[in-house]
Amino acid sequence: MSDPRQIKDSDGNVWLIIDSPRYFDGNTGQKLLDGIKKLVEVGYVRFAFDMAETQVVNSVGVSRLIEAIELCDGKGGGIVFCTSRPILLKTFKIMGLLLKARVVGSVDDVARLD
């Protein structure tokens, strides 16, 4: 996981922007999840995944995303998917990820969340 960037939303909440891997599978998903767990331990609970470069998310990758969503939701935070491809959004909707996560068009849109 690359070093996350910070952005504040319209309410002043800090979101960490994390670049999603090109191919989001069990291995890359687990690395991302492990990094998020460490960040949650130090108090971060809001994450925005910049998925501009992500081409594929397989079923194991989706399960890692679900774990991240549940972890952050349980701590009063959340997950946002940024710049996702239509096929990924459709997959996320079918798999139920969008029941507890949000979608925005770009990383800049995170600053306008309320």
PDB file of N, CA and C in Angstrom:
ATOM      1  N   MET A   1       0.849  -1.168   0.000  1.00  0.00           N
ATOM      2  CA  MET A   1       0.000   0.000   0.000  1.00  0.00           C
ATOM      3  C   MET A   1       0.899   1.236   0.000  1.00  0.00           C
ATOM      4  N   SER A   2       0.630   2.129  -0.936  1.00  0.00           N
ATOM      5  CA  SER A   2       1.401   3.367  -0.994  1.00  0.00           C
ATOM      6  C   SER A   2       0.972   4.278   0.156  1.00  0.00           C
ATOM      7  N   ASP A   3       1.777   5.296   0.403  1.00  0.00           N
ATOM      8  CA  ASP A   3       1.443   6.232   1.468  1.00  0.00           C
ATOM      9  C   ASP A   3       0.148   6.957   1.135  1.00  0.00           C
ATOM     10  N   PRO A   4      -0.814   6.894   2.054  1.00  0.00           N
ATOM     11  CA  PRO A   4      -2.086   7.565   1.787  1.00  0.00           C
ATOM     12  C   PRO A   4      -1.957   9.081   1.894  1.00  0.00           C
ATOM     13  N   ARG A   5      -2.806   9.770   1.145  1.00  0.00           N
ATOM     14  CA  ARG A   5      -2.903  11.221   1.208  1.00  0.00           C
ATOM     15  C   ARG A   5      -4.129  11.558   2.047  1.00  0.00           C
ATOM     16  N   GLN A   6      -4.148  12.749   2.612  1.00  0.00           N
ATOM     17  CA  GLN A   6      -5.288  13.166   3.421  1.00  0.00           C
ATOM     18  C   GLN A   6      -6.104  14.221   2.701  1.00  0.00           C
ATOM     19  N   ILE A   7      -7.407  14.174   2.934  1.00  0.00           N
ATOM     20  CA  ILE A   7      -8.313  15.203   2.445  1.00  0.00           C
ATOM     21  C   ILE A   7      -9.414  15.354   3.499  1.00  0.00           C
ATOM     22  N   LYS A   8      -9.896  16.581   3.679  1.00  0.00           N
ATOM     23  CA  LYS A   8     -10.991  16.814   4.629  1.00  0.00           C
ATOM     24  C   LYS A   8     -12.281  17.032   3.860  1.00  0.00           C
ATOM     25  N   ASP A   9     -13.370  16.478   4.424  1.00  0.00           N
ATOM     26  CA  ASP A   9     -14.685  16.684   3.808  1.00  0.00           C
ATOM     27  C   ASP A   9     -15.295  17.980   4.318  1.00  0.00           C
ATOM     28  N   SER A  10     -16.509  18.257   3.882  1.00  0.00           N
ATOM     29  CA  SER A  10     -17.162  19.524   4.231  1.00  0.00           C
ATOM     30  C   SER A  10     -17.450  19.650   5.728  1.00  0.00           C
ATOM     31  N   ASP A  11     -17.438  18.545   6.453  1.00  0.00           N
ATOM     32  CA  ASP A  11     -17.649  18.576   7.903  1.00  0.00           C
ATOM     33  C   ASP A  11     -16.333  18.603   8.678  1.00  0.00           C
ATOM     34  N   GLY A  12     -15.201  18.612   7.965  1.00  0.00           N
ATOM     35  CA  GLY A  12     -13.888  18.626   8.614  1.00  0.00           C
ATOM     36  C   GLY A  12     -13.336  17.258   8.958  1.00  0.00           C
ATOM     37  N   ASN A  13     -14.015  16.181   8.543  1.00  0.00           N
ATOM     38  CA  ASN A  13     -13.519  14.826   8.788  1.00  0.00           C
ATOM     39  C   ASN A  13     -12.354  14.514   7.869  1.00  0.00           C
ATOM     40  N   VAL A  14     -11.351  13.852   8.410  1.00  0.00           N
ATOM     41  CA  VAL A  14     -10.178  13.467   7.628  1.00  0.00           C
ATOM     42  C   VAL A  14     -10.435  12.130   6.939  1.00  0.00           C
ATOM     43  N   TRP A  15     -10.205  12.107   5.628  1.00  0.00           N
ATOM     44  CA  TRP A  15     -10.273  10.888   4.831  1.00  0.00           C
ATOM     45  C   TRP A  15      -8.877  10.592   4.319  1.00  0.00           C
ATOM     46  N   LEU A  16      -8.484   9.334   4.347  1.00  0.00           N
ATOM     47  CA  LEU A  16      -7.218   8.926   3.753  1.00  0.00           C
ATOM     48  C   LEU A  16      -7.498   8.396   2.353  1.00  0.00           C
ATOM     49  N   ILE A  17      -6.813   8.957   1.373  1.00  0.00           N
ATOM     50  CA  ILE A  17      -6.950   8.525  -0.017  1.00  0.00           C
ATOM     51  C   ILE A  17      -5.911   7.431  -0.262  1.00  0.00           C
ATOM     52  N   ILE A  18      -6.389   6.279  -0.685  1.00  0.00           N
ATOM     53  CA  ILE A  18      -5.512   5.128  -0.924  1.00  0.00           C
ATOM     54  C   ILE A  18      -5.648   4.712  -2.380  1.00  0.00           C
ATOM     55  N   ASP A  19      -4.524   4.609  -3.061  1.00  0.00           N
ATOM     56  CA  ASP A  19      -4.529   4.143  -4.445  1.00  0.00           C
ATOM     57  C   ASP A  19      -4.786   2.642  -4.462  1.00  0.00           C
ATOM     58  N   SER A  20      -5.819   2.256  -5.167  1.00  0.00           N
ATOM     59  CA  SER A  20      -6.171   0.848  -5.294  1.00  0.00           C
ATOM     60  C   SER A  20      -5.276   0.206  -6.349  1.00  0.00           C
ATOM     61  N   PRO A  21      -4.913  -1.062  -6.166  1.00  0.00           N
ATOM     62  CA  PRO A  21      -4.059  -1.732  -7.153  1.00  0.00           C
ATOM     63  C   PRO A  21      -4.773  -1.948  -8.488  1.00  0.00           C
ATOM     64  N   ARG A  22      -3.983  -2.151  -9.524  1.00  0.00           N
ATOM     65  CA  ARG A  22      -4.534  -2.400 -10.869  1.00  0.00           C
ATOM     66  C   ARG A  22      -5.392  -3.671 -10.871  1.00  0.00           C
ATOM     67  N   TYR A  23      -4.864  -4.722 -10.248  1.00  0.00           N
ATOM     68  CA  TYR A  23      -5.601  -5.981 -10.138  1.00  0.00           C
ATOM     69  C   TYR A  23      -5.834  -6.238  -8.662  1.00  0.00           C
ATOM     70  N   PHE A  24      -7.062  -6.159  -8.232  1.00  0.00           N
ATOM     71  CA  PHE A  24      -7.410  -6.268  -6.825  1.00  0.00           C
ATOM     72  C   PHE A  24      -7.831  -7.704  -6.557  1.00  0.00           C
ATOM     73  N   ASP A  25      -6.901  -8.512  -6.056  1.00  0.00           N
ATOM     74  CA  ASP A  25      -7.181  -9.915  -5.770  1.00  0.00           C
ATOM     75  C   ASP A  25      -6.952 -10.189  -4.288  1.00  0.00           C
ATOM     76  N   GLY A  26      -6.865 -11.444  -3.934  1.00  0.00           N
ATOM     77  CA  GLY A  26      -6.652 -11.815  -2.540  1.00  0.00           C
ATOM     78  C   GLY A  26      -5.357 -11.276  -1.965  1.00  0.00           C
ATOM     79  N   ASN A  27      -4.274 -11.348  -2.744  1.00  0.00           N
ATOM     80  CA  ASN A  27      -2.973 -10.888  -2.245  1.00  0.00           C
ATOM     81  C   ASN A  27      -2.930  -9.373  -2.073  1.00  0.00           C
ATOM     82  N   THR A  28      -3.284  -8.638  -3.119  1.00  0.00           N
ATOM     83  CA  THR A  28      -3.233  -7.177  -3.023  1.00  0.00           C
ATOM     84  C   THR A  28      -4.312  -6.676  -2.068  1.00  0.00           C
ATOM     85  N   GLY A  29      -5.455  -7.343  -2.064  1.00  0.00           N
ATOM     86  CA  GLY A  29      -6.527  -6.974  -1.149  1.00  0.00           C
ATOM     87  C   GLY A  29      -6.137  -7.182   0.307  1.00  0.00           C
ATOM     88  N   GLN A  30      -5.422  -8.280   0.579  1.00  0.00           N
ATOM     89  CA  GLN A  30      -4.988  -8.552   1.951  1.00  0.00           C
ATOM     90  C   GLN A  30      -3.966  -7.518   2.407  1.00  0.00           C
ATOM     91  N   LYS A  31      -3.046  -7.153   1.525  1.00  0.00           N
ATOM     92  CA  LYS A  31      -2.057  -6.120   1.874  1.00  0.00           C
ATOM     93  C   LYS A  31      -2.757  -4.802   2.196  1.00  0.00           C
ATOM     94  N   LEU A  32      -3.740  -4.463   1.389  1.00  0.00           N
ATOM     95  CA  LEU A  32      -4.489  -3.239   1.615  1.00  0.00           C
ATOM     96  C   LEU A  32      -5.262  -3.314   2.940  1.00  0.00           C
ATOM     97  N   LEU A  33      -5.920  -4.426   3.180  1.00  0.00           N
ATOM     98  CA  LEU A  33      -6.679  -4.620   4.416  1.00  0.00           C
ATOM     99  C   LEU A  33      -5.761  -4.547   5.641  1.00  0.00           C
ATOM    100  N   ASP A  34      -4.597  -5.180   5.564  1.00  0.00           N
ATOM    101  CA  ASP A  34      -3.644  -5.130   6.678  1.00  0.00           C
ATOM    102  C   ASP A  34      -3.214  -3.693   6.966  1.00  0.00           C
ATOM    103  N   GLY A  35      -2.981  -2.918   5.900  1.00  0.00           N
ATOM    104  CA  GLY A  35      -2.607  -1.517   6.072  1.00  0.00           C
ATOM    105  C   GLY A  35      -3.724  -0.707   6.701  1.00  0.00           C
ATOM    106  N   ILE A  36      -4.944  -0.976   6.295  1.00  0.00           N
ATOM    107  CA  ILE A  36      -6.095  -0.262   6.854  1.00  0.00           C
ATOM    108  C   ILE A  36      -6.254  -0.611   8.334  1.00  0.00           C
ATOM    109  N   LYS A  37      -6.070  -1.874   8.682  1.00  0.00           N
ATOM    110  CA  LYS A  37      -6.178  -2.276  10.084  1.00  0.00           C
ATOM    111  C   LYS A  37      -5.183  -1.501  10.948  1.00  0.00           C
ATOM    112  N   LYS A  38      -3.963  -1.339  10.459  1.00  0.00           N
ATOM    113  CA  LYS A  38      -2.947  -0.589  11.206  1.00  0.00           C
ATOM    114  C   LYS A  38      -3.348   0.882  11.343  1.00  0.00           C
ATOM    115  N   LEU A  39      -3.900   1.440  10.293  1.00  0.00           N
ATOM    116  CA  LEU A  39      -4.330   2.841  10.345  1.00  0.00           C
ATOM    117  C   LEU A  39      -5.525   3.030  11.276  1.00  0.00           C
ATOM    118  N   VAL A  40      -6.423   2.057  11.299  1.00  0.00           N
ATOM    119  CA  VAL A  40      -7.566   2.121  12.213  1.00  0.00           C
ATOM    120  C   VAL A  40      -7.078   2.081  13.663  1.00  0.00           C
ATOM    121  N   GLU A  41      -6.047   1.286  13.923  1.00  0.00           N
ATOM    122  CA  GLU A  41      -5.497   1.187  15.274  1.00  0.00           C
ATOM    123  C   GLU A  41      -5.002   2.528  15.793  1.00  0.00           C
ATOM    124  N   VAL A  42      -4.562   3.410  14.892  1.00  0.00           N
ATOM    125  CA  VAL A  42      -4.066   4.726  15.318  1.00  0.00           C
ATOM    126  C   VAL A  42      -5.113   5.824  15.148  1.00  0.00           C
ATOM    127  N   GLY A  43      -6.360   5.432  14.825  1.00  0.00           N
ATOM    128  CA  GLY A  43      -7.450   6.385  14.853  1.00  0.00           C
ATOM    129  C   GLY A  43      -8.085   6.804  13.538  1.00  0.00           C
ATOM    130  N   TYR A  44      -7.559   6.362  12.412  1.00  0.00           N
ATOM    131  CA  TYR A  44      -8.196   6.695  11.129  1.00  0.00           C
ATOM    132  C   TYR A  44      -9.330   5.724  10.860  1.00  0.00           C
ATOM    133  N   VAL A  45     -10.486   6.248  10.441  1.00  0.00           N
ATOM    134  CA  VAL A  45     -11.638   5.378  10.195  1.00  0.00           C
ATOM    135  C   VAL A  45     -12.345   5.686   8.870  1.00  0.00           C
ATOM    136  N   ARG A  46     -11.832   6.652   8.114  1.00  0.00           N
ATOM    137  CA  ARG A  46     -12.436   7.036   6.833  1.00  0.00           C
ATOM    138  C   ARG A  46     -11.399   6.876   5.728  1.00  0.00           C
ATOM    139  N   PHE A  47     -11.761   6.063   4.736  1.00  0.00           N
ATOM    140  CA  PHE A  47     -10.845   5.769   3.635  1.00  0.00           C
ATOM    141  C   PHE A  47     -11.547   5.937   2.303  1.00  0.00           C
ATOM    142  N   ALA A  48     -10.854   6.537   1.361  1.00  0.00           N
ATOM    143  CA  ALA A  48     -11.356   6.689  -0.002  1.00  0.00           C
ATOM    144  C   ALA A  48     -10.393   5.953  -0.921  1.00  0.00           C
ATOM    145  N   PHE A  49     -10.907   4.984  -1.642  1.00  0.00           N
ATOM    146  CA  PHE A  49     -10.085   4.206  -2.562  1.00  0.00           C
ATOM    147  C   PHE A  49     -10.121   4.853  -3.938  1.00  0.00           C
ATOM    148  N   ASP A  50      -8.972   5.328  -4.390  1.00  0.00           N
ATOM    149  CA  ASP A  50      -8.863   5.879  -5.742  1.00  0.00           C
ATOM    150  C   ASP A  50      -8.677   4.693  -6.682  1.00  0.00           C
ATOM    151  N   MET A  51      -9.724   4.364  -7.413  1.00  0.00           N
ATOM    152  CA  MET A  51      -9.724   3.174  -8.255  1.00  0.00           C
ATOM    153  C   MET A  51      -9.537   3.491  -9.734  1.00  0.00           C
ATOM    154  N   ALA A  52      -8.917   4.633 -10.011  1.00  0.00           N
ATOM    155  CA  ALA A  52      -8.726   5.065 -11.397  1.00  0.00           C
ATOM    156  C   ALA A  52      -7.928   4.054 -12.213  1.00  0.00           C
ATOM    157  N   GLU A  53      -6.976   3.385 -11.595  1.00  0.00           N
ATOM    158  CA  GLU A  53      -6.127   2.426 -12.308  1.00  0.00           C
ATOM    159  C   GLU A  53      -6.597   0.983 -12.165  1.00  0.00           C
ATOM    160  N   THR A  54      -7.615   0.745 -11.354  1.00  0.00           N
ATOM    161  CA  THR A  54      -8.067  -0.626 -11.102  1.00  0.00           C
ATOM    162  C   THR A  54      -8.849  -1.154 -12.294  1.00  0.00           C
ATOM    163  N   GLN A  55      -8.404  -2.282 -12.806  1.00  0.00           N
ATOM    164  CA  GLN A  55      -9.037  -2.922 -13.948  1.00  0.00           C
ATOM    165  C   GLN A  55      -9.982  -4.045 -13.528  1.00  0.00           C
ATOM    166  N   VAL A  56      -9.566  -4.819 -12.505  1.00  0.00           N
ATOM    167  CA  VAL A  56     -10.307  -6.014 -12.109  1.00  0.00           C
ATOM    168  C   VAL A  56     -10.307  -6.138 -10.591  1.00  0.00           C
ATOM    169  N   VAL A  57     -11.451  -6.529 -10.045  1.00  0.00           N
ATOM    170  CA  VAL A  57     -11.550  -6.905  -8.639  1.00  0.00           C
ATOM    171  C   VAL A  57     -12.168  -8.298  -8.626  1.00  0.00           C
ATOM    172  N   ASN A  58     -11.391  -9.281  -8.170  1.00  0.00           N
ATOM    173  CA  ASN A  58     -11.952 -10.636  -8.150  1.00  0.00           C
ATOM    174  C   ASN A  58     -12.732 -10.870  -6.860  1.00  0.00           C
ATOM    175  N   SER A  59     -13.308 -12.052  -6.721  1.00  0.00           N
ATOM    176  CA  SER A  59     -14.189 -12.336  -5.588  1.00  0.00           C
ATOM    177  C   SER A  59     -13.470 -12.254  -4.249  1.00  0.00           C
ATOM    178  N   VAL A  60     -12.218 -12.681  -4.207  1.00  0.00           N
ATOM    179  CA  VAL A  60     -11.465 -12.599  -2.953  1.00  0.00           C
ATOM    180  C   VAL A  60     -11.143 -11.140  -2.642  1.00  0.00           C
ATOM    181  N   GLY A  61     -10.862 -10.351  -3.669  1.00  0.00           N
ATOM    182  CA  GLY A  61     -10.655  -8.920  -3.484  1.00  0.00           C
ATOM    183  C   GLY A  61     -11.892  -8.245  -2.926  1.00  0.00           C
ATOM    184  N   VAL A  62     -13.056  -8.637  -3.446  1.00  0.00           N
ATOM    185  CA  VAL A  62     -14.324  -8.097  -2.935  1.00  0.00           C
ATOM    186  C   VAL A  62     -14.486  -8.445  -1.461  1.00  0.00           C
ATOM    187  N   SER A  63     -14.125  -9.669  -1.089  1.00  0.00           N
ATOM    188  CA  SER A  63     -14.273 -10.063   0.321  1.00  0.00           C
ATOM    189  C   SER A  63     -13.377  -9.218   1.221  1.00  0.00           C
ATOM    190  N   ARG A  64     -12.189  -8.843   0.732  1.00  0.00           N
ATOM    191  CA  ARG A  64     -11.300  -7.963   1.518  1.00  0.00           C
ATOM    192  C   ARG A  64     -11.910  -6.568   1.651  1.00  0.00           C
ATOM    193  N   LEU A  65     -12.543  -6.102   0.588  1.00  0.00           N
ATOM    194  CA  LEU A  65     -13.215  -4.803   0.652  1.00  0.00           C
ATOM    195  C   LEU A  65     -14.371  -4.839   1.649  1.00  0.00           C
ATOM    196  N   ILE A  66     -15.102  -5.935   1.673  1.00  0.00           N
ATOM    197  CA  ILE A  66     -16.197  -6.083   2.629  1.00  0.00           C
ATOM    198  C   ILE A  66     -15.657  -6.023   4.057  1.00  0.00           C
ATOM    199  N   GLU A  67     -14.536  -6.696   4.302  1.00  0.00           N
ATOM    200  CA  GLU A  67     -13.928  -6.656   5.631  1.00  0.00           C
ATOM    201  C   GLU A  67     -13.545  -5.225   6.009  1.00  0.00           C
ATOM    202  N   ALA A  68     -12.976  -4.487   5.071  1.00  0.00           N
ATOM    203  CA  ALA A  68     -12.583  -3.102   5.327  1.00  0.00           C
ATOM    204  C   ALA A  68     -13.806  -2.238   5.622  1.00  0.00           C
ATOM    205  N   ILE A  69     -14.873  -2.427   4.853  1.00  0.00           N
ATOM    206  CA  ILE A  69     -16.107  -1.667   5.064  1.00  0.00           C
ATOM    207  C   ILE A  69     -16.669  -1.955   6.451  1.00  0.00           C
ATOM    208  N   GLU A  70     -16.742  -3.220   6.816  1.00  0.00           N
ATOM    209  CA  GLU A  70     -17.290  -3.595   8.123  1.00  0.00           C
ATOM    210  C   GLU A  70     -16.431  -3.044   9.260  1.00  0.00           C
ATOM    211  N   LEU A  71     -15.126  -3.097   9.102  1.00  0.00           N
ATOM    212  CA  LEU A  71     -14.214  -2.576  10.118  1.00  0.00           C
ATOM    213  C   LEU A  71     -14.440  -1.080  10.331  1.00  0.00           C
ATOM    214  N   CYS A  72     -14.447  -0.334   9.251  1.00  0.00           N
ATOM    215  CA  CYS A  72     -14.607   1.122   9.356  1.00  0.00           C
ATOM    216  C   CYS A  72     -16.006   1.501   9.826  1.00  0.00           C
ATOM    217  N   ASP A  73     -17.003   0.811   9.331  1.00  0.00           N
ATOM    218  CA  ASP A  73     -18.384   1.085   9.739  1.00  0.00           C
ATOM    219  C   ASP A  73     -18.554   0.840  11.242  1.00  0.00           C
ATOM    220  N   GLY A  74     -17.931  -0.205  11.732  1.00  0.00           N
ATOM    221  CA  GLY A  74     -18.006  -0.527  13.156  1.00  0.00           C
ATOM    222  C   GLY A  74     -17.327   0.495  14.048  1.00  0.00           C
ATOM    223  N   LYS A  75     -16.448   1.290  13.482  1.00  0.00           N
ATOM    224  CA  LYS A  75     -15.732   2.330  14.228  1.00  0.00           C
ATOM    225  C   LYS A  75     -16.327   3.713  13.984  1.00  0.00           C
ATOM    226  N   GLY A  76     -17.453   3.781  13.274  1.00  0.00           N
ATOM    227  CA  GLY A  76     -18.084   5.063  13.006  1.00  0.00           C
ATOM    228  C   GLY A  76     -17.524   5.792  11.798  1.00  0.00           C
ATOM    229  N   GLY A  77     -16.749   5.093  10.995  1.00  0.00           N
ATOM    230  CA  GLY A  77     -16.158   5.698   9.805  1.00  0.00           C
ATOM    231  C   GLY A  77     -16.834   5.229   8.541  1.00  0.00           C
ATOM    232  N   GLY A  78     -16.068   5.129   7.467  1.00  0.00           N
ATOM    233  CA  GLY A  78     -16.652   4.684   6.220  1.00  0.00           C
ATOM    234  C   GLY A  78     -15.645   4.510   5.110  1.00  0.00           C
ATOM    235  N   ILE A  79     -16.148   4.001   4.005  1.00  0.00           N
ATOM    236  CA  ILE A  79     -15.355   3.763   2.800  1.00  0.00           C
ATOM    237  C   ILE A  79     -16.049   4.469   1.639  1.00  0.00           C
ATOM    238  N   VAL A  80     -15.236   5.078   0.776  1.00  0.00           N
ATOM    239  CA  VAL A  80     -15.722   5.699  -0.453  1.00  0.00           C
ATOM    240  C   VAL A  80     -14.887   5.152  -1.603  1.00  0.00           C
ATOM    241  N   PHE A  81     -15.548   4.812  -2.692  1.00  0.00           N
ATOM    242  CA  PHE A  81     -14.858   4.392  -3.910  1.00  0.00           C
ATOM    243  C   PHE A  81     -14.849   5.575  -4.866  1.00  0.00           C
ATOM    244  N   CYS A  82     -13.667   5.942  -5.354  1.00  0.00           N
ATOM    245  CA  CYS A  82     -13.498   7.094  -6.246  1.00  0.00           C
ATOM    246  C   CYS A  82     -13.115   6.643  -7.656  1.00  0.00           C
ATOM    247  N   THR A  83     -13.680   7.318  -8.643  1.00  0.00           N
ATOM    248  CA  THR A  83     -13.340   7.131 -10.053  1.00  0.00           C
ATOM    249  C   THR A  83     -13.400   5.673 -10.492  1.00  0.00           C
ATOM    250  N   SER A  84     -14.354   4.945  -9.983  1.00  0.00           N
ATOM    251  CA  SER A  84     -14.487   3.538 -10.346  1.00  0.00           C
ATOM    252  C   SER A  84     -15.078   3.382 -11.740  1.00  0.00           C
ATOM    253  N   ARG A  85     -14.668   2.338 -12.400  1.00  0.00           N
ATOM    254  CA  ARG A  85     -15.198   1.999 -13.719  1.00  0.00           C
ATOM    255  C   ARG A  85     -16.627   1.461 -13.575  1.00  0.00           C
ATOM    256  N   PRO A  86     -17.472   1.685 -14.570  1.00  0.00           N
ATOM    257  CA  PRO A  86     -18.861   1.204 -14.486  1.00  0.00           C
ATOM    258  C   PRO A  86     -18.969  -0.290 -14.184  1.00  0.00           C
ATOM    259  N   ILE A  87     -18.093  -1.097 -14.747  1.00  0.00           N
ATOM    260  CA  ILE A  87     -18.163  -2.540 -14.491  1.00  0.00           C
ATOM    261  C   ILE A  87     -17.858  -2.856 -13.030  1.00  0.00           C
ATOM    262  N   LEU A  88     -16.934  -2.093 -12.422  1.00  0.00           N
ATOM    263  CA  LEU A  88     -16.631  -2.306 -11.007  1.00  0.00           C
ATOM    264  C   LEU A  88     -17.806  -1.870 -10.138  1.00  0.00           C
ATOM    265  N   LEU A  89     -18.402  -0.753 -10.493  1.00  0.00           N
ATOM    266  CA  LEU A  89     -19.558  -0.289  -9.723  1.00  0.00           C
ATOM    267  C   LEU A  89     -20.699  -1.292  -9.777  1.00  0.00           C
ATOM    268  N   LYS A  90     -20.900  -1.872 -10.947  1.00  0.00           N
ATOM    269  CA  LYS A  90     -21.951  -2.879 -11.088  1.00  0.00           C
ATOM    270  C   LYS A  90     -21.639  -4.091 -10.206  1.00  0.00           C
ATOM    271  N   THR A  91     -20.391  -4.516 -10.210  1.00  0.00           N
ATOM    272  CA  THR A  91     -19.963  -5.633  -9.368  1.00  0.00           C
ATOM    273  C   THR A  91     -20.178  -5.295  -7.897  1.00  0.00           C
ATOM    274  N   PHE A  92     -19.766  -4.097  -7.491  1.00  0.00           N
ATOM    275  CA  PHE A  92     -19.911  -3.686  -6.097  1.00  0.00           C
ATOM    276  C   PHE A  92     -21.386  -3.642  -5.689  1.00  0.00           C
ATOM    277  N   LYS A  93     -22.232  -3.190  -6.584  1.00  0.00           N
ATOM    278  CA  LYS A  93     -23.661  -3.121  -6.285  1.00  0.00           C
ATOM    279  C   LYS A  93     -24.236  -4.527  -6.123  1.00  0.00           C
ATOM    280  N   ILE A  94     -23.902  -5.425  -7.053  1.00  0.00           N
ATOM    281  CA  ILE A  94     -24.396  -6.802  -6.994  1.00  0.00           C
ATOM    282  C   ILE A  94     -23.930  -7.495  -5.718  1.00  0.00           C
ATOM    283  N   MET A  95     -22.688  -7.242  -5.316  1.00  0.00           N
ATOM    284  CA  MET A  95     -22.113  -7.893  -4.137  1.00  0.00           C
ATOM    285  C   MET A  95     -22.537  -7.215  -2.826  1.00  0.00           C
ATOM    286  N   GLY A  96     -23.272  -6.115  -2.918  1.00  0.00           N
ATOM    287  CA  GLY A  96     -23.781  -5.453  -1.722  1.00  0.00           C
ATOM    288  C   GLY A  96     -22.827  -4.468  -1.068  1.00  0.00           C
ATOM    289  N   LEU A  97     -21.704  -4.181  -1.691  1.00  0.00           N
ATOM    290  CA  LEU A  97     -20.754  -3.257  -1.093  1.00  0.00           C
ATOM    291  C   LEU A  97     -21.310  -1.842  -0.966  1.00  0.00           C
ATOM    292  N   LEU A  98     -22.198  -1.470  -1.867  1.00  0.00           N
ATOM    293  CA  LEU A  98     -22.699  -0.101  -1.863  1.00  0.00           C
ATOM    294  C   LEU A  98     -23.819   0.121  -0.852  1.00  0.00           C
ATOM    295  N   LEU A  99     -24.145  -0.907  -0.085  1.00  0.00           N
ATOM    296  CA  LEU A  99     -25.114  -0.730   0.990  1.00  0.00           C
ATOM    297  C   LEU A  99     -24.492   0.052   2.147  1.00  0.00           C
ATOM    298  N   LYS A 100     -23.163  -0.080   2.315  1.00  0.00           N
ATOM    299  CA  LYS A 100     -22.483   0.604   3.414  1.00  0.00           C
ATOM    300  C   LYS A 100     -21.292   1.438   2.945  1.00  0.00           C
ATOM    301  N   ALA A 101     -21.089   1.519   1.663  1.00  0.00           N
ATOM    302  CA  ALA A 101     -20.010   2.343   1.110  1.00  0.00           C
ATOM    303  C   ALA A 101     -20.613   3.300   0.091  1.00  0.00           C
ATOM    304  N   ARG A 102     -19.883   4.361  -0.204  1.00  0.00           N
ATOM    305  CA  ARG A 102     -20.367   5.367  -1.146  1.00  0.00           C
ATOM    306  C   ARG A 102     -19.462   5.401  -2.364  1.00  0.00           C
ATOM    307  N   VAL A 103     -19.985   6.021  -3.408  1.00  0.00           N
ATOM    308  CA  VAL A 103     -19.233   6.188  -4.644  1.00  0.00           C
ATOM    309  C   VAL A 103     -19.226   7.662  -5.002  1.00  0.00           C
ATOM    310  N   VAL A 104     -18.069   8.169  -5.378  1.00  0.00           N
ATOM    311  CA  VAL A 104     -17.952   9.529  -5.903  1.00  0.00           C
ATOM    312  C   VAL A 104     -17.173   9.460  -7.205  1.00  0.00           C
ATOM    313  N   GLY A 105     -17.315  10.486  -8.013  1.00  0.00           N
ATOM    314  CA  GLY A 105     -16.686  10.479  -9.333  1.00  0.00           C
ATOM    315  C   GLY A 105     -15.200  10.679  -9.332  1.00  0.00           C
ATOM    316  N   SER A 106     -14.674  11.386  -8.322  1.00  0.00           N
ATOM    317  CA  SER A 106     -13.228  11.648  -8.283  1.00  0.00           C
ATOM    318  C   SER A 106     -12.780  11.851  -6.851  1.00  0.00           C
ATOM    319  N   VAL A 107     -11.484  11.827  -6.658  1.00  0.00           N
ATOM    320  CA  VAL A 107     -10.914  12.065  -5.337  1.00  0.00           C
ATOM    321  C   VAL A 107     -11.310  13.451  -4.842  1.00  0.00           C
ATOM    322  N   ASP A 108     -11.353  14.432  -5.743  1.00  0.00           N
ATOM    323  CA  ASP A 108     -11.740  15.794  -5.349  1.00  0.00           C
ATOM    324  C   ASP A 108     -13.153  15.835  -4.759  1.00  0.00           C
ATOM    325  N   ASP A 109     -14.013  14.924  -5.196  1.00  0.00           N
ATOM    326  CA  ASP A 109     -15.386  14.892  -4.689  1.00  0.00           C
ATOM    327  C   ASP A 109     -15.463  14.488  -3.216  1.00  0.00           C
ATOM    328  N   VAL A 110     -14.418  13.861  -2.698  1.00  0.00           N
ATOM    329  CA  VAL A 110     -14.407  13.470  -1.285  1.00  0.00           C
ATOM    330  C   VAL A 110     -14.502  14.722  -0.413  1.00  0.00           C
ATOM    331  N   ALA A 111     -13.902  15.807  -0.850  1.00  0.00           N
ATOM    332  CA  ALA A 111     -13.940  17.051  -0.071  1.00  0.00           C
ATOM    333  C   ALA A 111     -15.346  17.616   0.039  1.00  0.00           C
ATOM    334  N   ARG A 112     -16.246  17.189  -0.833  1.00  0.00           N
ATOM    335  CA  ARG A 112     -17.620  17.686  -0.810  1.00  0.00           C
ATOM    336  C   ARG A 112     -18.596  16.752  -0.096  1.00  0.00           C
ATOM    337  N   LEU A 113     -18.085  15.673   0.481  1.00  0.00           N
ATOM    338  CA  LEU A 113     -18.950  14.761   1.229  1.00  0.00           C
ATOM    339  C   LEU A 113     -19.489  15.453   2.482  1.00  0.00           C
ATOM    340  N   ASP A 114     -20.678  15.076   2.865  1.00  0.00           N
ATOM    341  CA  ASP A 114     -21.238  15.602   4.115  1.00  0.00           C
ATOM    342  C   ASP A 114     -21.766  14.471   4.957  1.00  0.00           C
TER     343      ASP A 114
END
